[in-house]
């Protein structure tokens, strides 16, 4: 529970992730605070932030959870001798950080399962999920929706950051605001994507029209190359943005994208039988998500 509190920050989100009621979450918080004899959360408006004591507890909780999950995966995989095939579709902003660890977990406990991964955007991959071409779809959302016959789970939350090449003129500006970036070229997801709809909503929130000079791309590799060749702006997941910024590959602009596409969710068909290989891979995805901040 405390690990979920650190990742999600809202009692409602924690309750959803753990499939319990909000009062149950509040009671567990109170029980933990009584046990340790110190507050573990700070409440600010509708969000919760862990105190130093809470952060220490969360760190230990993650270690324990990781050990338990890994042991369970090892036992399940070895005992069952699992084989089969699992096909995954993922958006480009999630695949590089979430899937490598999940695939490594799966390969270590069920090496006879064949895995395949494709990249795309949610709208283009949803029909593939519906016709059984892929077993899981991992994508970003900012307005969770229910889809008939499809189950979903929240894996983690991660903000998007506005980035530019290290030599972009805006990286030398003293102050940068949203009106300053509208006239610059951008790289966005295709117009039919959920991400593009969210981006339009973001600019509208600031009373601005969506930029007109746009290259449509879902390839992070291409987007990186474009930032080297020309003065374009784009959106990167925070973890990747910080990693590339440390290497000097790009610069992060001081703009707040709010909760735009901040939720990373996994979708699968709920009306089809799930074999052991697919159940195991879902556990691997969830474990990878839980360990991403360690």
Foldseek 3Di string as FASTA:
>chain_A
DLLCCAFPFALVQSCQQVVHDSVVVVVVQVVVCVVVVHHQWDDDPRGIHGDPVSVVVNVVVLVVVLVVLLVVLQCLLVVVLDAEEAEEEEFLQCCVQQPVQLVVSLCVRRVRYHYYYDYDFDVVCVVCQVVVVHFKYKFFDLDDDDDPQKDKHWQGFFFKFKKAFLPAPVVPDPADEPVNQQAAEEEEADCPHNLVVLQQVQQVVVVHGHRDRYDHDRHPVVVLVVRVVDTYMYIHTPVVQVVCVVVNSIDTHPYDSDRRRGTIMMMGGPPDDDDPSRVSSVSSSSSSSSPSVD
